[in-house]
Amino acid sequence: MTDRSPSSPPPASDDAPPTVPRRASRSWPSQIAADVDVLEPAPGSGVSIGARGGTVRVAVDCALERGMRCVLRVLLPSGMPLLLRGTVTWSRPLQDGCVAVLALVAGG
């Protein structure tokens, strides 16, 4: 038995995962208000909520599930349309659609 004070951390183990510090900034600092159309796999529309590090977060009126590969058309406030391809990495169903995060992929 080891003597430890109640406030001391438990001893480290070789099997324990490494400790990862939390981010100092919020998860979605880049607020991008843009209209979004889901072209594939099912038609839908909505808005982008934010973008960061090769991902985009959207709120759309269709169901997107984790692992789905999607094609989005994003109309930027400048009027410039972008065609984006991505894979859904996170999704939360809502009554009238979902909120999802897509990891963008390069190329076609």
Foldseek 3Di string as FASTA:
>chain_A
DDDDDPPDDDDDDPPDDDDDDDDPDDPFPAAFWWKKFWPPDDTWIFTWGGDDDQKTKTFIQAEADAQDWTWMWIQGPVRDIDIWIFGWHDWDADPRYIITMTRTDDDD
